Amino acid sequence: MKAVRILVTLILLSPVLASAVLAQGWTTYTNARYGAKADVPPGFEPAGPEARNSDGLIFRSHDGGFLTIYGADVPGRNFEAKIQEMMAHEKSYNGWNINAHRITPDWAEFSSDMGSRHLRVRAIASCNGRQVVVTRFEFSGNQKAISDRIKSSLQAVRAKSC
């Protein structure tokens, strides 16, 4: 009977334990210029210094994953046009064919899959529509939990340029 209680307790605690394990080693990056703030998974290190114009930072993992957290200006406060421009850039410059997207007045997401490689992008309008903050996560294999955490962690915080 005691063994059954222990087993039931472990089963009930497993989501809590899984969350605690997933949370270990995560850090947060905040871009001062645009106010892009997001979580960075364990094993991702800066690929170099912050961009010279201070718009963001690229993180790289040992297995070839890339996470970019950055901000940008939105010409004419046209958020939808900015997202369309970003999707076109992914196709022409990086070869991604966007297979899913959703654009609202305040946020957007788009994604692409090429075999075992995946792209997940989330953007939030900020600074009264004058700017956008973005996470761009490129990875191999199944990293849905990591991708979901990165996506949900994106925030637009106080920015120098706003």
C-alpha atoms as a PDB file:
ATOM      1  CA  MET A   1       0.000   0.000   0.000  1.00  0.00           C
ATOM      2  CA  LYS A   2       2.843   2.392   0.838  1.00  0.00           C
ATOM      3  CA  ALA A   3       4.468   1.683  -2.538  1.00  0.00           C
ATOM      4  CA  VAL A   4       1.199   2.524  -4.297  1.00  0.00           C
ATOM      5  CA  ARG A   5       0.966   5.868  -2.451  1.00  0.00           C
ATOM      6  CA  ILE A   6       4.547   6.701  -3.397  1.00  0.00           C
ATOM      7  CA  LEU A   7       3.857   5.801  -7.038  1.00  0.00           C
ATOM      8  CA  VAL A   8       0.681   7.914  -7.124  1.00  0.00           C
ATOM      9  CA  THR A   9       2.544  10.831  -5.526  1.00  0.00           C
ATOM     10  CA  LEU A  10       5.328  10.584  -8.119  1.00  0.00           C
ATOM     11  CA  ILE A  11       2.824  10.484 -10.971  1.00  0.00           C
ATOM     12  CA  LEU A  12       1.025  13.549  -9.629  1.00  0.00           C
ATOM     13  CA  LEU A  13       4.296  15.409  -9.170  1.00  0.00           C
ATOM     14  CA  SER A  14       5.744  14.471 -12.578  1.00  0.00           C
ATOM     15  CA  PRO A  15       4.506  17.645 -14.369  1.00  0.00           C
ATOM     16  CA  VAL A  16       5.977  19.744 -11.569  1.00  0.00           C
ATOM     17  CA  LEU A  17       9.255  17.847 -11.712  1.00  0.00           C
ATOM     18  CA  ALA A  18       9.348  18.075 -15.508  1.00  0.00           C
ATOM     19  CA  SER A  19       8.816  21.851 -15.313  1.00  0.00           C
ATOM     20  CA  ALA A  20      11.587  22.190 -12.744  1.00  0.00           C
ATOM     21  CA  VAL A  21      14.003  20.181 -14.902  1.00  0.00           C
ATOM     22  CA  LEU A  22      13.084  22.204 -18.000  1.00  0.00           C
ATOM     23  CA  ALA A  23      13.625  25.473 -16.100  1.00  0.00           C
ATOM     24  CA  GLN A  24      17.181  24.595 -15.054  1.00  0.00           C
ATOM     25  CA  GLY A  25      19.874  26.474 -16.903  1.00  0.00           C
ATOM     26  CA  TRP A  26      17.631  28.960 -18.683  1.00  0.00           C
ATOM     27  CA  THR A  27      18.780  32.578 -18.787  1.00  0.00           C
ATOM     28  CA  THR A  28      17.144  35.782 -19.990  1.00  0.00           C
ATOM     29  CA  TYR A  29      18.427  38.244 -22.562  1.00  0.00           C
ATOM     30  CA  THR A  30      17.150  41.816 -22.714  1.00  0.00           C
ATOM     31  CA  ASN A  31      18.023  44.175 -25.527  1.00  0.00           C
ATOM     32  CA  ALA A  32      18.314  47.704 -24.117  1.00  0.00           C
ATOM     33  CA  ARG A  33      17.818  49.554 -27.404  1.00  0.00           C
ATOM     34  CA  TYR A  34      14.491  47.970 -28.439  1.00  0.00           C
ATOM     35  CA  GLY A  35      13.376  46.287 -25.219  1.00  0.00           C
ATOM     36  CA  ALA A  36      13.230  42.755 -26.616  1.00  0.00           C
ATOM     37  CA  LYS A  37      13.316  40.349 -23.687  1.00  0.00           C
ATOM     38  CA  ALA A  38      13.145  36.537 -23.937  1.00  0.00           C
ATOM     39  CA  ASP A  39      14.355  33.344 -22.304  1.00  0.00           C
ATOM     40  CA  VAL A  40      17.445  31.590 -23.645  1.00  0.00           C
ATOM     41  CA  PRO A  41      17.595  27.781 -23.296  1.00  0.00           C
ATOM     42  CA  PRO A  42      20.469  25.912 -21.671  1.00  0.00           C
ATOM     43  CA  GLY A  43      23.327  25.175 -24.058  1.00  0.00           C
ATOM     44  CA  PHE A  44      22.826  28.346 -26.099  1.00  0.00           C
ATOM     45  CA  GLU A  45      25.718  30.781 -25.993  1.00  0.00           C
ATOM     46  CA  PRO A  46      26.168  34.161 -27.704  1.00  0.00           C
ATOM     47  CA  ALA A  47      27.535  33.618 -31.216  1.00  0.00           C
ATOM     48  CA  GLY A  48      29.442  36.882 -30.842  1.00  0.00           C
ATOM     49  CA  PRO A  49      28.956  40.335 -29.393  1.00  0.00           C
ATOM     50  CA  GLU A  50      25.694  42.229 -29.657  1.00  0.00           C
ATOM     51  CA  ALA A  51      25.162  43.784 -33.082  1.00  0.00           C
ATOM     52  CA  ARG A  52      27.013  47.086 -33.587  1.00  0.00           C
ATOM     53  CA  ASN A  53      23.723  48.946 -33.893  1.00  0.00           C
ATOM     54  CA  SER A  54      22.578  47.293 -30.629  1.00  0.00           C
ATOM     55  CA  ASP A  55      19.465  45.792 -32.180  1.00  0.00           C
ATOM     56  CA  GLY A  56      19.919  42.265 -30.781  1.00  0.00           C
ATOM     57  CA  LEU A  57      21.955  39.150 -30.159  1.00  0.00           C
ATOM     58  CA  ILE A  58      22.324  35.742 -31.813  1.00  0.00           C
ATOM     59  CA  PHE A  59      22.722  32.648 -29.640  1.00  0.00           C
ATOM     60  CA  ARG A  60      24.035  29.316 -30.946  1.00  0.00           C
ATOM     61  CA  SER A  61      23.829  25.795 -29.534  1.00  0.00           C
ATOM     62  CA  HIS A  62      26.339  22.971 -30.007  1.00  0.00           C
ATOM     63  CA  ASP A  63      23.780  21.031 -32.097  1.00  0.00           C
ATOM     64  CA  GLY A  64      23.389  23.792 -34.695  1.00  0.00           C
ATOM     65  CA  GLY A  65      20.413  25.650 -33.252  1.00  0.00           C
ATOM     66  CA  PHE A  66      20.155  29.429 -33.512  1.00  0.00           C
ATOM     67  CA  LEU A  67      18.115  31.821 -31.422  1.00  0.00           C
ATOM     68  CA  THR A  68      18.010  35.502 -32.313  1.00  0.00           C
ATOM     69  CA  ILE A  69      16.376  38.027 -29.999  1.00  0.00           C
ATOM     70  CA  TYR A  70      16.145  41.498 -31.481  1.00  0.00           C
ATOM     71  CA  GLY A  71      14.126  44.600 -32.174  1.00  0.00           C
ATOM     72  CA  ALA A  72      13.558  46.717 -35.253  1.00  0.00           C
ATOM     73  CA  ASP A  73      11.817  49.857 -36.419  1.00  0.00           C
ATOM     74  CA  VAL A  74       8.411  49.582 -38.126  1.00  0.00           C
ATOM     75  CA  PRO A  75       8.262  52.089 -40.995  1.00  0.00           C
ATOM     76  CA  GLY A  76       4.972  53.961 -41.067  1.00  0.00           C
ATOM     77  CA  ARG A  77       3.789  51.957 -38.051  1.00  0.00           C
ATOM     78  CA  ASN A  78       2.641  49.290 -40.516  1.00  0.00           C
ATOM     79  CA  PHE A  79       3.167  46.146 -38.431  1.00  0.00           C
ATOM     80  CA  GLU A  80       1.608  43.801 -40.991  1.00  0.00           C
ATOM     81  CA  ALA A  81       3.876  45.111 -43.767  1.00  0.00           C
ATOM     82  CA  LYS A  82       6.916  44.634 -41.501  1.00  0.00           C
ATOM     83  CA  ILE A  83       5.957  41.007 -40.836  1.00  0.00           C
ATOM     84  CA  GLN A  84       5.375  40.399 -44.561  1.00  0.00           C
ATOM     85  CA  GLU A  85       8.842  41.879 -45.198  1.00  0.00           C
ATOM     86  CA  MET A  86      10.349  39.560 -42.570  1.00  0.00           C
ATOM     87  CA  MET A  87       8.689  36.500 -44.143  1.00  0.00           C
ATOM     88  CA  ALA A  88       9.890  37.528 -47.627  1.00  0.00           C
ATOM     89  CA  HIS A  89      13.422  37.939 -46.252  1.00  0.00           C
ATOM     90  CA  GLU A  90      13.316  34.431 -44.756  1.00  0.00           C
ATOM     91  CA  LYS A  91      12.340  33.031 -48.141  1.00  0.00           C
ATOM     92  CA  SER A  92      14.725  34.989 -50.358  1.00  0.00           C
ATOM     93  CA  TYR A  93      17.750  35.210 -48.074  1.00  0.00           C
ATOM     94  CA  ASN A  94      17.511  32.029 -45.967  1.00  0.00           C
ATOM     95  CA  GLY A  95      15.499  29.727 -48.261  1.00  0.00           C
ATOM     96  CA  TRP A  96      12.594  29.166 -45.835  1.00  0.00           C
ATOM     97  CA  ASN A  97       9.159  28.679 -47.400  1.00  0.00           C
ATOM     98  CA  ILE A  98       6.760  29.963 -44.767  1.00  0.00           C
ATOM     99  CA  ASN A  99       4.085  27.287 -44.342  1.00  0.00           C
ATOM    100  CA  ALA A 100       2.112  28.827 -41.475  1.00  0.00           C
ATOM    101  CA  HIS A 101       1.584  32.367 -40.256  1.00  0.00           C
ATOM    102  CA  ARG A 102      -0.763  34.470 -38.179  1.00  0.00           C
ATOM    103  CA  ILE A 103      -0.688  38.241 -38.066  1.00  0.00           C
ATOM    104  CA  THR A 104      -2.747  40.361 -35.669  1.00  0.00           C
ATOM    105  CA  PRO A 105      -2.429  44.102 -35.009  1.00  0.00           C
ATOM    106  CA  ASP A 106      -0.311  43.418 -31.885  1.00  0.00           C
ATOM    107  CA  TRP A 107       1.617  40.209 -32.556  1.00  0.00           C
ATOM    108  CA  ALA A 108       2.535  37.760 -35.292  1.00  0.00           C
ATOM    109  CA  GLU A 109       3.969  34.282 -35.663  1.00  0.00           C
ATOM    110  CA  PHE A 110       5.257  32.383 -38.645  1.00  0.00           C
ATOM    111  CA  SER A 111       7.005  29.082 -39.183  1.00  0.00           C
ATOM    112  CA  SER A 112       8.654  26.872 -41.746  1.00  0.00           C
ATOM    113  CA  ASP A 113       9.896  23.299 -41.905  1.00  0.00           C
ATOM    114  CA  MET A 114      12.553  21.900 -44.231  1.00  0.00           C
ATOM    115  CA  GLY A 115      13.031  18.237 -43.447  1.00  0.00           C
ATOM    116  CA  SER A 116      14.374  18.048 -39.908  1.00  0.00           C
ATOM    117  CA  ARG A 117      15.124  21.815 -39.773  1.00  0.00           C
ATOM    118  CA  HIS A 118      12.494  24.139 -38.321  1.00  0.00           C
ATOM    119  CA  LEU A 119      12.007  27.901 -38.045  1.00  0.00           C
ATOM    120  CA  ARG A 120       9.715  29.537 -35.485  1.00  0.00           C
ATOM    121  CA  VAL A 121       9.373  33.337 -35.329  1.00  0.00           C
ATOM    122  CA  ARG A 122       7.285  35.419 -32.925  1.00  0.00           C
ATOM    123  CA  ALA A 123       7.000  39.210 -33.105  1.00  0.00           C
ATOM    124  CA  ILE A 124       5.274  41.746 -30.853  1.00  0.00           C
ATOM    125  CA  ALA A 125       4.483  45.332 -31.798  1.00  0.00           C
ATOM    126  CA  SER A 126       6.008  47.765 -29.311  1.00  0.00           C
ATOM    127  CA  CYS A 127       6.542  51.462 -28.679  1.00  0.00           C
ATOM    128  CA  ASN A 128       3.047  52.404 -29.886  1.00  0.00           C
ATOM    129  CA  GLY A 129       3.559  50.519 -33.152  1.00  0.00           C
ATOM    130  CA  ARG A 130       6.851  52.210 -34.043  1.00  0.00           C
ATOM    131  CA  GLN A 131       8.914  49.115 -33.268  1.00  0.00           C
ATOM    132  CA  VAL A 132       8.773  45.338 -33.136  1.00  0.00           C
ATOM    133  CA  VAL A 133      10.518  42.852 -30.824  1.00  0.00           C
ATOM    134  CA  VAL A 134      11.262  39.390 -32.203  1.00  0.00           C
ATOM    135  CA  THR A 135      12.439  35.896 -31.344  1.00  0.00           C
ATOM    136  CA  ARG A 136      13.712  33.816 -34.257  1.00  0.00           C
ATOM    137  CA  PHE A 137      14.415  30.174 -33.358  1.00  0.00           C
ATOM    138  CA  GLU A 138      15.993  27.833 -35.911  1.00  0.00           C
ATOM    139  CA  PHE A 139      16.551  24.228 -34.836  1.00  0.00           C
ATOM    140  CA  SER A 140      16.672  20.546 -35.782  1.00  0.00           C
ATOM    141  CA  GLY A 141      14.521  17.729 -34.459  1.00  0.00           C
ATOM    142  CA  ASN A 142      11.680  17.964 -31.992  1.00  0.00           C
ATOM    143  CA  GLN A 143      12.192  20.902 -29.643  1.00  0.00           C
ATOM    144  CA  LYS A 144       8.547  21.929 -29.266  1.00  0.00           C
ATOM    145  CA  ALA A 145       8.759  22.512 -25.498  1.00  0.00           C
ATOM    146  CA  ILE A 146      11.806  24.741 -25.927  1.00  0.00           C
ATOM    147  CA  SER A 147      10.230  26.581 -28.865  1.00  0.00           C
ATOM    148  CA  ASP A 148       7.010  27.134 -26.898  1.00  0.00           C
ATOM    149  CA  ARG A 149       8.915  28.517 -23.913  1.00  0.00           C
ATOM    150  CA  ILE A 150      10.944  30.912 -26.071  1.00  0.00           C
ATOM    151  CA  LYS A 151       7.788  32.066 -27.856  1.00  0.00           C
ATOM    152  CA  SER A 152       5.814  32.627 -24.652  1.00  0.00           C
ATOM    153  CA  SER A 153       8.695  34.403 -22.905  1.00  0.00           C
ATOM    154  CA  LEU A 154       9.015  37.207 -25.486  1.00  0.00           C
ATOM    155  CA  GLN A 155       8.173  40.594 -23.985  1.00  0.00           C
ATOM    156  CA  ALA A 156       8.504  44.196 -25.024  1.00  0.00           C
ATOM    157  CA  VAL A 157      10.039  45.986 -22.027  1.00  0.00           C
ATOM    158  CA  ARG A 158      11.146  49.581 -21.547  1.00  0.00           C
ATOM    159  CA  ALA A 159      13.462  50.530 -24.394  1.00  0.00           C
ATOM    160  CA  LYS A 160      15.993  53.311 -24.924  1.00  0.00           C
ATOM    161  CA  SER A 161      14.707  54.007 -28.414  1.00  0.00           C
ATOM    162  CA  CYS A 162      11.024  54.278 -27.534  1.00  0.00           C
END
